């Protein structure tokens, strides 16, 4: 039994729903969620705004207090680097109905943005619950194209491109592709960066955590 934080009523959810997301505690009853979706009660602003996070190092708390737009359920991933190459970090978070179920982040002293984006995607795909359709968001169009368009052909040609030259970051591409193939319910999607999508901004804060003393 749970207590809705919007209307204060007690509510419950089917066990099979709770089993999909271990550790998740729902905050609102379905009635309140539906009213927000249909616009029957006031909700937080839905118009995306320019992100104040670009070029700054917002903490997780600052990201949560600053942004409210965008999808509220899914896996969100992001990578960052200072220079190509240079120090960089990655972050991934699984969110259900606006609540963090799992998150992970890391950093490397000498890396590139694309490597960090792939690292983030690998961590994010690892969070996808079994047999549960889940959107996995990245603001890297390159990563989306690799995993949804190019990697299959590369694999068929023995991990070679049609054009001359090696596949960049091949070991990470192979790991991410293998994970994506093992999670058929994962829907890898592009999301625009730095426009105020709350959980993309949150993933960005995870990816830049290595720069700060406060997560």
N, C-alpha and C. Protein backbone atom coordinates (compact mmCIF):
# COMPACT_ATOMS: atom_id res chain seq x y z
N UNK A 1 0.84 -1.19 0.00
CA UNK A 1 0.00 0.00 0.00
C UNK A 1 0.88 1.25 0.00
N UNK A 2 0.52 2.25 -0.83
CA UNK A 2 1.27 3.49 -0.94
C UNK A 2 0.35 4.67 -0.70
N UNK A 3 0.93 5.83 -0.40
CA UNK A 3 0.17 7.05 -0.19
C UNK A 3 0.51 8.04 -1.30
N UNK A 4 -0.50 8.51 -2.00
CA UNK A 4 -0.31 9.45 -3.11
C UNK A 4 0.15 10.79 -2.56
N UNK A 5 1.22 11.32 -3.10
CA UNK A 5 1.75 12.60 -2.63
C UNK A 5 0.98 13.79 -3.19
N UNK A 6 0.05 13.53 -4.13
CA UNK A 6 -0.75 14.62 -4.68
C UNK A 6 -2.10 14.76 -3.98
N UNK A 7 -2.79 13.62 -3.77
CA UNK A 7 -4.13 13.68 -3.16
C UNK A 7 -4.20 13.06 -1.78
N UNK A 8 -3.10 12.44 -1.33
CA UNK A 8 -2.98 11.84 0.02
C UNK A 8 -3.82 10.58 0.21
N UNK A 9 -4.37 10.06 -0.86
CA UNK A 9 -5.14 8.82 -0.76
C UNK A 9 -4.19 7.62 -0.80
N UNK A 10 -4.59 6.53 -0.13
CA UNK A 10 -3.84 5.29 -0.21
C UNK A 10 -4.19 4.57 -1.51
N UNK A 11 -3.20 3.96 -2.13
CA UNK A 11 -3.44 3.22 -3.36
C UNK A 11 -2.48 2.05 -3.44
N UNK A 12 -2.76 1.15 -4.36
CA UNK A 12 -1.91 -0.02 -4.56
C UNK A 12 -1.72 -0.23 -6.05
N UNK A 13 -0.72 -1.01 -6.40
CA UNK A 13 -0.45 -1.38 -7.78
C UNK A 13 -0.31 -2.89 -7.88
N UNK A 14 -0.62 -3.47 -9.04
CA UNK A 14 -0.46 -4.92 -9.20
C UNK A 14 0.99 -5.34 -8.97
N UNK A 15 1.17 -6.50 -8.38
CA UNK A 15 2.51 -6.97 -8.06
C UNK A 15 3.38 -7.12 -9.29
N UNK A 16 2.77 -7.50 -10.44
CA UNK A 16 3.59 -7.69 -11.64
C UNK A 16 4.18 -6.37 -12.13
N UNK A 17 3.51 -5.25 -11.83
CA UNK A 17 4.05 -3.94 -12.19
C UNK A 17 5.23 -3.61 -11.29
N UNK A 18 5.07 -3.84 -9.99
CA UNK A 18 6.15 -3.56 -9.04
C UNK A 18 7.36 -4.45 -9.30
N UNK A 19 7.11 -5.69 -9.73
CA UNK A 19 8.22 -6.62 -9.97
C UNK A 19 9.11 -6.16 -11.12
N UNK A 20 8.57 -5.35 -12.02
CA UNK A 20 9.36 -4.89 -13.17
C UNK A 20 10.47 -3.93 -12.74
N UNK A 21 10.23 -3.20 -11.64
CA UNK A 21 11.16 -2.15 -11.23
C UNK A 21 11.51 -2.32 -9.76
N UNK A 22 12.38 -3.25 -9.43
CA UNK A 22 12.77 -3.45 -8.02
C UNK A 22 13.33 -2.18 -7.41
N UNK A 23 12.88 -1.86 -6.22
CA UNK A 23 13.36 -0.68 -5.52
C UNK A 23 12.57 0.59 -5.79
N UNK A 24 11.58 0.52 -6.70
CA UNK A 24 10.79 1.70 -7.05
C UNK A 24 9.63 1.86 -6.09
N UNK A 25 9.43 3.08 -5.60
CA UNK A 25 8.28 3.40 -4.76
C UNK A 25 7.44 4.45 -5.48
N UNK A 26 6.25 4.10 -5.98
CA UNK A 26 5.42 5.08 -6.71
C UNK A 26 4.98 6.21 -5.80
N UNK A 27 4.92 7.42 -6.34
CA UNK A 27 4.57 8.59 -5.55
C UNK A 27 3.14 9.06 -5.77
N UNK A 28 2.53 8.68 -6.90
CA UNK A 28 1.18 9.16 -7.20
C UNK A 28 0.28 8.00 -7.62
N UNK A 29 -1.00 8.13 -7.30
CA UNK A 29 -1.98 7.14 -7.74
C UNK A 29 -2.25 7.34 -9.22
N UNK A 30 -2.83 6.33 -9.85
CA UNK A 30 -3.09 6.40 -11.29
C UNK A 30 -4.06 7.51 -11.63
N UNK A 31 -5.02 7.80 -10.75
CA UNK A 31 -5.99 8.85 -11.02
C UNK A 31 -5.31 10.22 -11.14
N UNK A 32 -4.40 10.52 -10.22
CA UNK A 32 -3.69 11.80 -10.27
C UNK A 32 -2.77 11.87 -11.48
N UNK A 33 -2.11 10.75 -11.79
CA UNK A 33 -1.24 10.73 -12.97
C UNK A 33 -2.04 10.97 -14.23
N UNK A 34 -3.22 10.34 -14.34
CA UNK A 34 -4.06 10.50 -15.53
C UNK A 34 -4.57 11.93 -15.66
N UNK A 35 -4.91 12.56 -14.53
CA UNK A 35 -5.39 13.94 -14.58
C UNK A 35 -4.30 14.87 -15.08
N UNK A 36 -3.08 14.63 -14.64
CA UNK A 36 -1.97 15.46 -15.12
C UNK A 36 -1.75 15.27 -16.61
N UNK A 37 -1.87 14.01 -17.05
CA UNK A 37 -1.64 13.71 -18.46
C UNK A 37 -2.68 14.39 -19.35
N UNK A 38 -3.95 14.43 -18.89
CA UNK A 38 -5.03 15.00 -19.69
C UNK A 38 -5.20 16.49 -19.45
N UNK A 39 -4.44 17.05 -18.51
CA UNK A 39 -4.51 18.48 -18.27
C UNK A 39 -5.61 18.90 -17.34
N UNK A 40 -6.19 17.98 -16.57
CA UNK A 40 -7.29 18.33 -15.68
C UNK A 40 -6.82 19.02 -14.42
N UNK A 41 -5.56 18.89 -14.07
CA UNK A 41 -5.02 19.60 -12.92
C UNK A 41 -3.75 20.30 -13.35
N UNK A 42 -3.39 21.39 -12.71
CA UNK A 42 -2.17 22.09 -13.09
C UNK A 42 -0.95 21.20 -12.93
N UNK A 43 -0.04 21.30 -13.84
CA UNK A 43 1.19 20.54 -13.77
C UNK A 43 2.34 21.51 -13.97
N UNK A 44 3.53 21.00 -13.87
CA UNK A 44 4.70 21.84 -14.07
C UNK A 44 4.79 22.26 -15.53
N UNK A 45 5.47 23.35 -15.84
CA UNK A 45 5.54 23.82 -17.22
C UNK A 45 6.05 22.76 -18.17
N UNK A 46 5.45 22.69 -19.35
CA UNK A 46 5.84 21.66 -20.32
C UNK A 46 6.61 22.25 -21.50
N UNK A 47 6.74 23.55 -21.55
CA UNK A 47 7.47 24.18 -22.65
C UNK A 47 8.96 24.12 -22.39
N UNK A 48 9.69 23.51 -23.30
CA UNK A 48 11.13 23.38 -23.10
C UNK A 48 11.78 24.76 -23.15
N UNK A 49 12.80 24.94 -22.37
CA UNK A 49 13.51 26.21 -22.33
C UNK A 49 15.01 25.94 -22.52
N UNK A 50 15.75 26.95 -22.93
CA UNK A 50 17.19 26.75 -23.08
C UNK A 50 17.81 26.31 -21.77
N UNK A 51 18.74 25.40 -21.85
CA UNK A 51 19.33 24.84 -20.64
C UNK A 51 20.41 25.74 -20.07
N UNK A 52 20.33 25.96 -18.78
CA UNK A 52 21.40 26.71 -18.12
C UNK A 52 22.55 25.78 -17.77
N UNK A 53 22.43 24.50 -18.13
CA UNK A 53 23.49 23.55 -17.79
C UNK A 53 24.63 23.55 -18.80
N UNK A 54 24.38 24.05 -20.00
CA UNK A 54 25.42 24.00 -21.02
C UNK A 54 26.59 24.87 -20.61
N UNK A 55 27.75 24.26 -20.53
CA UNK A 55 28.95 24.97 -20.12
C UNK A 55 29.09 25.14 -18.62
N UNK A 56 28.13 24.57 -17.86
CA UNK A 56 28.20 24.66 -16.40
C UNK A 56 28.19 23.26 -15.82
N UNK A 57 28.47 23.16 -14.54
CA UNK A 57 28.50 21.87 -13.87
C UNK A 57 27.44 21.84 -12.79
N UNK A 58 26.20 21.63 -13.18
CA UNK A 58 25.11 21.58 -12.22
C UNK A 58 25.16 20.29 -11.43
N UNK A 59 24.91 20.36 -10.15
CA UNK A 59 24.80 19.16 -9.34
C UNK A 59 23.48 18.48 -9.67
N UNK A 60 23.31 17.25 -9.17
CA UNK A 60 22.05 16.55 -9.40
C UNK A 60 20.88 17.33 -8.81
N UNK A 61 21.08 17.85 -7.61
CA UNK A 61 20.01 18.62 -6.97
C UNK A 61 19.66 19.86 -7.77
N UNK A 62 20.65 20.53 -8.32
CA UNK A 62 20.40 21.72 -9.13
C UNK A 62 19.67 21.37 -10.41
N UNK A 63 20.00 20.24 -11.02
CA UNK A 63 19.29 19.80 -12.22
C UNK A 63 17.83 19.52 -11.91
N UNK A 64 17.58 18.84 -10.81
CA UNK A 64 16.20 18.49 -10.45
C UNK A 64 15.37 19.73 -10.14
N UNK A 65 15.99 20.71 -9.52
CA UNK A 65 15.23 21.91 -9.16
C UNK A 65 15.05 22.86 -10.35
N UNK A 66 15.87 22.71 -11.38
CA UNK A 66 15.84 23.64 -12.51
C UNK A 66 14.97 23.17 -13.66
N UNK A 67 14.80 21.85 -13.82
CA UNK A 67 14.14 21.33 -15.02
C UNK A 67 13.02 20.37 -14.65
N UNK A 68 11.93 20.42 -15.45
CA UNK A 68 10.77 19.57 -15.19
C UNK A 68 10.18 18.96 -16.46
N UNK A 69 10.70 19.31 -17.62
CA UNK A 69 10.10 18.88 -18.89
C UNK A 69 10.64 17.52 -19.34
N UNK A 70 10.06 17.04 -20.43
CA UNK A 70 10.57 15.83 -21.07
C UNK A 70 9.99 14.55 -20.51
N UNK A 71 10.39 13.41 -21.09
CA UNK A 71 9.89 12.10 -20.65
C UNK A 71 10.21 11.86 -19.18
N UNK A 72 9.30 11.18 -18.49
CA UNK A 72 9.46 10.92 -17.07
C UNK A 72 9.70 9.45 -16.75
N UNK A 73 9.76 8.62 -17.78
CA UNK A 73 10.07 7.20 -17.60
C UNK A 73 11.03 6.77 -18.70
N UNK A 74 12.05 6.03 -18.34
CA UNK A 74 13.01 5.53 -19.31
C UNK A 74 14.41 5.53 -18.74
N UNK A 75 15.35 5.15 -19.58
CA UNK A 75 16.77 5.22 -19.23
C UNK A 75 17.37 6.39 -19.99
N UNK A 76 18.14 7.22 -19.30
CA UNK A 76 18.73 8.41 -19.88
C UNK A 76 20.25 8.32 -19.72
N UNK A 77 20.97 8.53 -20.82
CA UNK A 77 22.42 8.38 -20.79
C UNK A 77 23.09 9.62 -21.38
N UNK A 78 24.29 9.90 -20.92
CA UNK A 78 25.03 11.03 -21.46
C UNK A 78 26.52 10.86 -21.21
N UNK A 79 27.33 11.41 -22.10
CA UNK A 79 28.77 11.39 -21.95
C UNK A 79 29.33 12.78 -22.15
N UNK A 80 30.51 13.02 -21.60
CA UNK A 80 31.11 14.35 -21.66
C UNK A 80 32.62 14.23 -21.65
N UNK A 81 33.29 15.17 -22.31
CA UNK A 81 34.74 15.23 -22.21
C UNK A 81 35.20 16.67 -22.40
N UNK A 82 36.32 16.98 -21.81
CA UNK A 82 36.94 18.30 -21.97
C UNK A 82 38.10 18.14 -22.92
N UNK A 83 37.84 18.43 -24.19
CA UNK A 83 38.83 18.18 -25.23
C UNK A 83 38.62 16.78 -25.81
N UNK A 84 39.15 16.59 -27.00
CA UNK A 84 39.07 15.29 -27.67
C UNK A 84 40.47 14.91 -28.17
N UNK A 85 41.29 14.22 -27.39
CA UNK A 85 40.94 13.64 -26.08
C UNK A 85 41.19 14.60 -24.93
N UNK A 86 40.74 14.14 -23.75
CA UNK A 86 40.90 14.89 -22.51
C UNK A 86 40.14 14.16 -21.42
N UNK A 87 40.08 14.71 -20.22
CA UNK A 87 39.31 14.08 -19.15
C UNK A 87 37.83 14.07 -19.49
N UNK A 88 37.15 13.02 -19.08
CA UNK A 88 35.72 12.92 -19.41
C UNK A 88 34.98 12.02 -18.44
N UNK A 89 33.66 12.03 -18.58
CA UNK A 89 32.82 11.21 -17.71
C UNK A 89 31.56 10.77 -18.42
N UNK A 90 30.84 9.86 -17.79
CA UNK A 90 29.60 9.33 -18.35
C UNK A 90 28.59 9.12 -17.22
N UNK A 91 27.32 9.10 -17.58
CA UNK A 91 26.28 8.88 -16.59
C UNK A 91 25.07 8.22 -17.21
N UNK A 92 24.36 7.45 -16.41
CA UNK A 92 23.13 6.79 -16.85
C UNK A 92 22.18 6.69 -15.67
N UNK A 93 20.88 6.88 -15.95
CA UNK A 93 19.88 6.82 -14.89
C UNK A 93 18.62 6.15 -15.42
N UNK A 94 18.04 5.25 -14.63
CA UNK A 94 16.75 4.63 -14.91
C UNK A 94 15.71 5.34 -14.07
N UNK A 95 14.68 5.87 -14.74
CA UNK A 95 13.63 6.64 -14.08
C UNK A 95 12.28 6.02 -14.39
N UNK A 96 11.42 5.91 -13.39
CA UNK A 96 10.06 5.44 -13.56
C UNK A 96 9.12 6.46 -12.93
N UNK A 97 8.26 7.03 -13.74
CA UNK A 97 7.31 8.04 -13.26
C UNK A 97 8.01 9.15 -12.48
N UNK A 98 9.13 9.60 -13.01
CA UNK A 98 9.82 10.72 -12.40
C UNK A 98 10.62 10.39 -11.16
N UNK A 99 10.83 9.11 -10.88
CA UNK A 99 11.61 8.70 -9.72
C UNK A 99 12.82 7.87 -10.15
N UNK A 100 13.94 8.14 -9.53
CA UNK A 100 15.17 7.42 -9.85
C UNK A 100 15.11 6.02 -9.26
N UNK A 101 15.24 5.03 -10.13
CA UNK A 101 15.28 3.62 -9.69
C UNK A 101 16.73 3.15 -9.58
N UNK A 102 17.57 3.57 -10.52
CA UNK A 102 18.98 3.18 -10.51
C UNK A 102 19.78 4.23 -11.26
N UNK A 103 21.04 4.40 -10.89
CA UNK A 103 21.91 5.31 -11.61
C UNK A 103 23.35 4.85 -11.46
N UNK A 104 24.18 5.28 -12.40
CA UNK A 104 25.60 4.94 -12.36
C UNK A 104 26.36 6.03 -13.12
N UNK A 105 27.61 6.20 -12.78
CA UNK A 105 28.43 7.19 -13.46
C UNK A 105 29.90 6.84 -13.27
N UNK A 106 30.75 7.42 -14.09
CA UNK A 106 32.17 7.15 -14.00
C UNK A 106 32.95 8.16 -14.80
N UNK A 107 34.25 8.04 -14.78
CA UNK A 107 35.11 9.00 -15.46
C UNK A 107 36.41 8.34 -15.90
N UNK A 108 37.07 8.96 -16.87
CA UNK A 108 38.37 8.51 -17.34
C UNK A 108 39.26 9.74 -17.50
N UNK A 109 40.55 9.62 -17.22
CA UNK A 109 41.42 10.80 -17.27
C UNK A 109 41.80 11.24 -18.67
N UNK A 110 41.70 10.33 -19.64
CA UNK A 110 42.12 10.65 -21.00
C UNK A 110 41.20 9.90 -21.96
N UNK A 111 40.22 10.60 -22.53
CA UNK A 111 39.19 9.94 -23.31
C UNK A 111 38.61 10.91 -24.32
N UNK A 112 37.52 10.51 -24.99
CA UNK A 112 36.83 11.38 -25.95
C UNK A 112 35.34 11.38 -25.62
N UNK A 113 34.64 12.36 -26.18
CA UNK A 113 33.20 12.46 -25.95
C UNK A 113 32.47 11.22 -26.46
N UNK A 114 32.85 10.73 -27.65
CA UNK A 114 32.16 9.57 -28.21
C UNK A 114 32.36 8.32 -27.36
N UNK A 115 33.55 8.16 -26.81
CA UNK A 115 33.79 7.02 -25.93
C UNK A 115 32.91 7.11 -24.67
N UNK A 116 32.76 8.30 -24.14
CA UNK A 116 31.94 8.47 -22.95
C UNK A 116 30.46 8.27 -23.26
N UNK A 117 30.04 8.69 -24.44
CA UNK A 117 28.65 8.43 -24.83
C UNK A 117 28.38 6.93 -24.95
N UNK A 118 29.34 6.21 -25.50
CA UNK A 118 29.18 4.75 -25.60
C UNK A 118 29.22 4.09 -24.23
N UNK A 119 30.12 4.54 -23.36
CA UNK A 119 30.17 4.01 -22.00
C UNK A 119 28.83 4.22 -21.29
N UNK A 120 28.27 5.41 -21.46
CA UNK A 120 26.99 5.71 -20.84
C UNK A 120 25.88 4.80 -21.38
N UNK A 121 25.89 4.58 -22.68
CA UNK A 121 24.88 3.71 -23.28
C UNK A 121 25.02 2.28 -22.77
N UNK A 122 26.24 1.80 -22.63
CA UNK A 122 26.46 0.45 -22.11
C UNK A 122 25.89 0.33 -20.70
N UNK A 123 26.17 1.33 -19.86
CA UNK A 123 25.63 1.31 -18.50
C UNK A 123 24.12 1.40 -18.52
N UNK A 124 23.58 2.23 -19.40
CA UNK A 124 22.13 2.39 -19.47
C UNK A 124 21.42 1.14 -19.95
N UNK A 125 21.96 0.49 -20.96
CA UNK A 125 21.35 -0.76 -21.44
C UNK A 125 21.38 -1.83 -20.36
N UNK A 126 22.40 -1.79 -19.51
CA UNK A 126 22.46 -2.73 -18.42
C UNK A 126 21.37 -2.53 -17.39
N UNK A 127 20.75 -1.35 -17.38
CA UNK A 127 19.67 -1.06 -16.44
C UNK A 127 18.29 -1.44 -16.96
N UNK A 128 18.19 -1.76 -18.25
CA UNK A 128 16.88 -2.06 -18.83
C UNK A 128 16.31 -3.32 -18.19
N UNK A 129 15.11 -3.23 -17.60
CA UNK A 129 14.53 -4.41 -16.95
C UNK A 129 14.22 -5.50 -17.99
N UNK A 130 14.37 -6.77 -17.61
CA UNK A 130 14.07 -7.87 -18.53
C UNK A 130 12.60 -7.86 -18.95
N UNK A 131 12.36 -8.07 -20.23
CA UNK A 131 11.00 -8.24 -20.75
C UNK A 131 10.10 -7.04 -20.51
N UNK A 132 10.67 -5.86 -20.35
CA UNK A 132 9.88 -4.65 -20.15
C UNK A 132 10.24 -3.63 -21.23
N UNK A 133 9.30 -3.26 -22.09
CA UNK A 133 9.60 -2.23 -23.09
C UNK A 133 10.09 -0.96 -22.41
N UNK A 134 11.27 -0.50 -22.81
CA UNK A 134 11.89 0.65 -22.17
C UNK A 134 12.56 1.53 -23.21
N UNK A 135 12.26 2.82 -23.16
CA UNK A 135 12.96 3.78 -24.01
C UNK A 135 14.31 4.10 -23.38
N UNK A 136 15.35 4.06 -24.19
CA UNK A 136 16.70 4.39 -23.74
C UNK A 136 17.14 5.62 -24.53
N UNK A 137 17.32 6.74 -23.83
CA UNK A 137 17.57 8.02 -24.47
C UNK A 137 19.06 8.39 -24.44
N UNK A 138 19.52 8.95 -25.54
CA UNK A 138 20.87 9.53 -25.62
C UNK A 138 20.78 10.77 -26.48
N UNK A 139 21.58 11.78 -26.17
CA UNK A 139 21.61 12.96 -27.03
C UNK A 139 22.70 12.86 -28.09
N UNK A 140 23.28 11.67 -28.24
CA UNK A 140 24.29 11.43 -29.28
C UNK A 140 23.64 10.74 -30.48
N UNK A 141 23.46 11.49 -31.57
CA UNK A 141 22.92 10.88 -32.78
C UNK A 141 23.86 9.81 -33.31
N UNK A 142 25.15 9.99 -33.09
CA UNK A 142 26.12 8.99 -33.54
C UNK A 142 25.85 7.64 -32.88
N UNK A 143 25.64 7.62 -31.58
CA UNK A 143 25.39 6.37 -30.87
C UNK A 143 24.09 5.73 -31.35
N UNK A 144 23.05 6.52 -31.57
CA UNK A 144 21.79 5.98 -32.08
C UNK A 144 22.02 5.34 -33.44
N UNK A 145 22.71 6.03 -34.33
CA UNK A 145 22.94 5.49 -35.67
C UNK A 145 23.79 4.22 -35.63
N UNK A 146 24.80 4.22 -34.77
CA UNK A 146 25.65 3.03 -34.67
C UNK A 146 24.81 1.81 -34.28
N UNK A 147 24.01 1.95 -33.26
CA UNK A 147 23.31 0.79 -32.70
C UNK A 147 22.05 0.42 -33.48
N UNK A 148 21.42 1.37 -34.16
CA UNK A 148 20.17 1.06 -34.86
C UNK A 148 20.33 0.94 -36.37
N UNK A 149 21.47 1.40 -36.93
CA UNK A 149 21.62 1.39 -38.38
C UNK A 149 22.90 0.71 -38.87
N UNK A 150 24.03 0.99 -38.24
CA UNK A 150 25.30 0.62 -38.83
C UNK A 150 25.92 -0.66 -38.29
N UNK A 151 25.77 -0.92 -37.01
CA UNK A 151 26.51 -2.00 -36.38
C UNK A 151 26.17 -3.37 -36.97
N UNK A 152 24.93 -3.57 -37.35
CA UNK A 152 24.54 -4.87 -37.92
C UNK A 152 25.34 -5.16 -39.18
N UNK A 153 25.46 -4.18 -40.06
CA UNK A 153 26.24 -4.36 -41.29
C UNK A 153 27.72 -4.52 -41.00
N UNK A 154 28.22 -3.76 -40.04
CA UNK A 154 29.63 -3.91 -39.67
C UNK A 154 29.92 -5.33 -39.20
N UNK A 155 29.01 -5.85 -38.38
CA UNK A 155 29.21 -7.21 -37.86
C UNK A 155 29.20 -8.24 -38.98
N UNK A 156 28.27 -8.07 -39.93
CA UNK A 156 28.17 -9.01 -41.05
C UNK A 156 29.43 -9.00 -41.91
N UNK A 157 30.13 -7.89 -41.95
CA UNK A 157 31.37 -7.79 -42.72
C UNK A 157 32.60 -8.06 -41.87
N UNK A 158 32.40 -8.70 -40.73
CA UNK A 158 33.52 -8.99 -39.85
C UNK A 158 34.02 -7.77 -39.11
N UNK A 159 33.07 -6.92 -38.72
CA UNK A 159 33.36 -5.67 -38.03
C UNK A 159 34.29 -4.78 -38.86
N UNK A 160 33.84 -4.57 -40.08
CA UNK A 160 34.51 -3.66 -41.00
C UNK A 160 33.49 -2.75 -41.66
N UNK A 161 33.89 -1.51 -41.92
CA UNK A 161 33.03 -0.58 -42.64
C UNK A 161 33.16 -0.79 -44.14
N UNK A 162 32.19 -0.25 -44.88
CA UNK A 162 32.30 -0.28 -46.32
C UNK A 162 33.42 0.64 -46.79
N UNK A 163 33.56 1.75 -46.10
CA UNK A 163 34.60 2.71 -46.45
C UNK A 163 35.91 2.32 -45.79
N UNK A 164 37.02 2.80 -46.30
CA UNK A 164 38.33 2.47 -45.71
C UNK A 164 38.44 3.01 -44.28
N UNK A 165 39.27 2.34 -43.51
CA UNK A 165 39.53 2.80 -42.15
C UNK A 165 38.84 1.95 -41.11
N UNK A 166 39.38 1.93 -39.90
CA UNK A 166 38.82 1.11 -38.83
C UNK A 166 37.57 1.75 -38.22
N UNK A 167 36.81 0.96 -37.52
CA UNK A 167 35.66 1.45 -36.76
C UNK A 167 36.18 2.06 -35.46
N UNK A 168 35.87 3.31 -35.23
CA UNK A 168 36.34 3.98 -34.02
C UNK A 168 35.72 3.34 -32.78
N UNK A 169 36.51 3.20 -31.74
CA UNK A 169 36.04 2.67 -30.45
C UNK A 169 35.36 1.31 -30.61
N UNK A 170 35.99 0.44 -31.41
CA UNK A 170 35.37 -0.82 -31.79
C UNK A 170 34.96 -1.66 -30.59
N UNK A 171 35.81 -1.74 -29.56
CA UNK A 171 35.48 -2.61 -28.42
C UNK A 171 34.23 -2.13 -27.70
N UNK A 172 34.03 -0.81 -27.64
CA UNK A 172 32.83 -0.27 -26.99
C UNK A 172 31.61 -0.44 -27.89
N UNK A 173 31.80 -0.26 -29.18
CA UNK A 173 30.71 -0.48 -30.14
C UNK A 173 30.21 -1.92 -30.05
N UNK A 174 31.14 -2.87 -30.02
CA UNK A 174 30.75 -4.28 -29.95
C UNK A 174 30.02 -4.59 -28.65
N UNK A 175 30.52 -4.04 -27.55
CA UNK A 175 29.87 -4.30 -26.26
C UNK A 175 28.47 -3.69 -26.22
N UNK A 176 28.34 -2.47 -26.70
CA UNK A 176 27.03 -1.82 -26.70
C UNK A 176 26.06 -2.54 -27.63
N UNK A 177 26.54 -2.95 -28.79
CA UNK A 177 25.66 -3.65 -29.74
C UNK A 177 25.21 -4.99 -29.19
N UNK A 178 26.13 -5.73 -28.57
CA UNK A 178 25.76 -7.01 -27.98
C UNK A 178 24.70 -6.83 -26.90
N UNK A 179 24.87 -5.80 -26.07
CA UNK A 179 23.88 -5.51 -25.03
C UNK A 179 22.53 -5.14 -25.64
N UNK A 180 22.56 -4.29 -26.66
CA UNK A 180 21.31 -3.88 -27.31
C UNK A 180 20.59 -5.08 -27.91
N UNK A 181 21.33 -6.02 -28.50
CA UNK A 181 20.72 -7.21 -29.08
C UNK A 181 20.14 -8.11 -28.00
N UNK A 182 20.74 -8.10 -26.82
CA UNK A 182 20.24 -8.94 -25.73
C UNK A 182 19.05 -8.33 -25.01
N UNK A 183 18.75 -7.06 -25.32
CA UNK A 183 17.61 -6.36 -24.71
C UNK A 183 16.65 -5.94 -25.83
N UNK A 184 15.90 -6.91 -26.39
CA UNK A 184 15.04 -6.58 -27.53
C UNK A 184 13.92 -5.60 -27.21
N UNK A 185 13.63 -5.42 -25.93
CA UNK A 185 12.58 -4.47 -25.55
C UNK A 185 13.12 -3.07 -25.32
N UNK A 186 14.43 -2.89 -25.50
CA UNK A 186 15.02 -1.56 -25.36
C UNK A 186 14.85 -0.78 -26.67
N UNK A 187 14.27 0.38 -26.58
CA UNK A 187 14.05 1.24 -27.75
C UNK A 187 15.01 2.42 -27.66
N UNK A 188 16.09 2.36 -28.42
CA UNK A 188 17.13 3.38 -28.34
C UNK A 188 16.69 4.61 -29.13
N UNK A 189 16.64 5.75 -28.45
CA UNK A 189 16.08 6.96 -29.04
C UNK A 189 17.00 8.16 -28.81
N UNK A 190 16.94 9.10 -29.74
CA UNK A 190 17.68 10.34 -29.60
C UNK A 190 16.83 11.37 -28.87
N UNK A 191 17.45 12.15 -28.00
CA UNK A 191 16.77 13.25 -27.32
C UNK A 191 17.66 14.48 -27.43
N UNK A 192 17.08 15.61 -27.70
CA UNK A 192 17.85 16.84 -27.90
C UNK A 192 18.47 17.28 -26.58
N UNK A 193 19.72 17.67 -26.64
CA UNK A 193 20.44 18.09 -25.44
C UNK A 193 20.22 19.58 -25.15
N UNK A 194 20.34 19.93 -23.89
CA UNK A 194 20.41 21.33 -23.45
C UNK A 194 19.18 22.15 -23.79
N UNK A 195 17.99 21.53 -23.71
CA UNK A 195 16.76 22.30 -23.89
C UNK A 195 15.84 22.17 -22.68
N UNK A 196 16.35 21.58 -21.60
CA UNK A 196 15.57 21.50 -20.39
C UNK A 196 14.84 20.19 -20.16
N UNK A 197 15.16 19.14 -20.92
CA UNK A 197 14.60 17.82 -20.63
C UNK A 197 15.21 17.32 -19.32
N UNK A 198 14.37 17.17 -18.33
CA UNK A 198 14.85 17.00 -16.96
C UNK A 198 15.86 15.87 -16.81
N UNK A 199 15.53 14.70 -17.32
CA UNK A 199 16.38 13.54 -17.04
C UNK A 199 17.58 13.46 -17.97
N UNK A 200 17.51 14.12 -19.12
CA UNK A 200 18.72 14.28 -19.92
C UNK A 200 19.69 15.22 -19.21
N UNK A 201 19.15 16.28 -18.61
CA UNK A 201 20.00 17.19 -17.83
C UNK A 201 20.59 16.48 -16.62
N UNK A 202 19.80 15.62 -16.01
CA UNK A 202 20.28 14.86 -14.85
C UNK A 202 21.41 13.93 -15.26
N UNK A 203 21.25 13.25 -16.40
CA UNK A 203 22.31 12.38 -16.90
C UNK A 203 23.56 13.19 -17.23
N UNK A 204 23.37 14.41 -17.74
CA UNK A 204 24.50 15.29 -17.99
C UNK A 204 25.23 15.62 -16.70
N UNK A 205 24.47 15.85 -15.63
CA UNK A 205 25.10 16.13 -14.33
C UNK A 205 25.89 14.93 -13.82
N UNK A 206 25.37 13.73 -14.07
CA UNK A 206 26.13 12.54 -13.70
C UNK A 206 27.42 12.46 -14.51
N UNK A 207 27.32 12.78 -15.80
CA UNK A 207 28.49 12.67 -16.68
C UNK A 207 29.57 13.70 -16.34
N UNK A 208 29.18 14.81 -15.75
CA UNK A 208 30.15 15.85 -15.40
C UNK A 208 30.50 15.85 -13.91
N UNK A 209 30.06 14.83 -13.20
CA UNK A 209 30.29 14.78 -11.76
C UNK A 209 31.77 14.76 -11.41
N UNK A 210 32.60 14.24 -12.31
CA UNK A 210 34.04 14.16 -12.04
C UNK A 210 34.67 15.53 -11.86
N UNK A 211 33.99 16.57 -12.35
CA UNK A 211 34.53 17.92 -12.23
C UNK A 211 34.24 18.56 -10.87
N UNK A 212 33.33 17.96 -10.11
CA UNK A 212 32.82 18.62 -8.90
C UNK A 212 33.15 17.82 -7.66
N UNK A 213 33.07 18.50 -6.53
CA UNK A 213 33.22 17.83 -5.24
C UNK A 213 31.88 17.36 -4.71
N UNK A 214 30.78 17.87 -5.30
CA UNK A 214 29.42 17.50 -4.90
C UNK A 214 28.71 16.86 -6.06
N UNK A 215 28.16 15.68 -5.85
CA UNK A 215 27.46 14.96 -6.91
C UNK A 215 26.23 15.73 -7.34
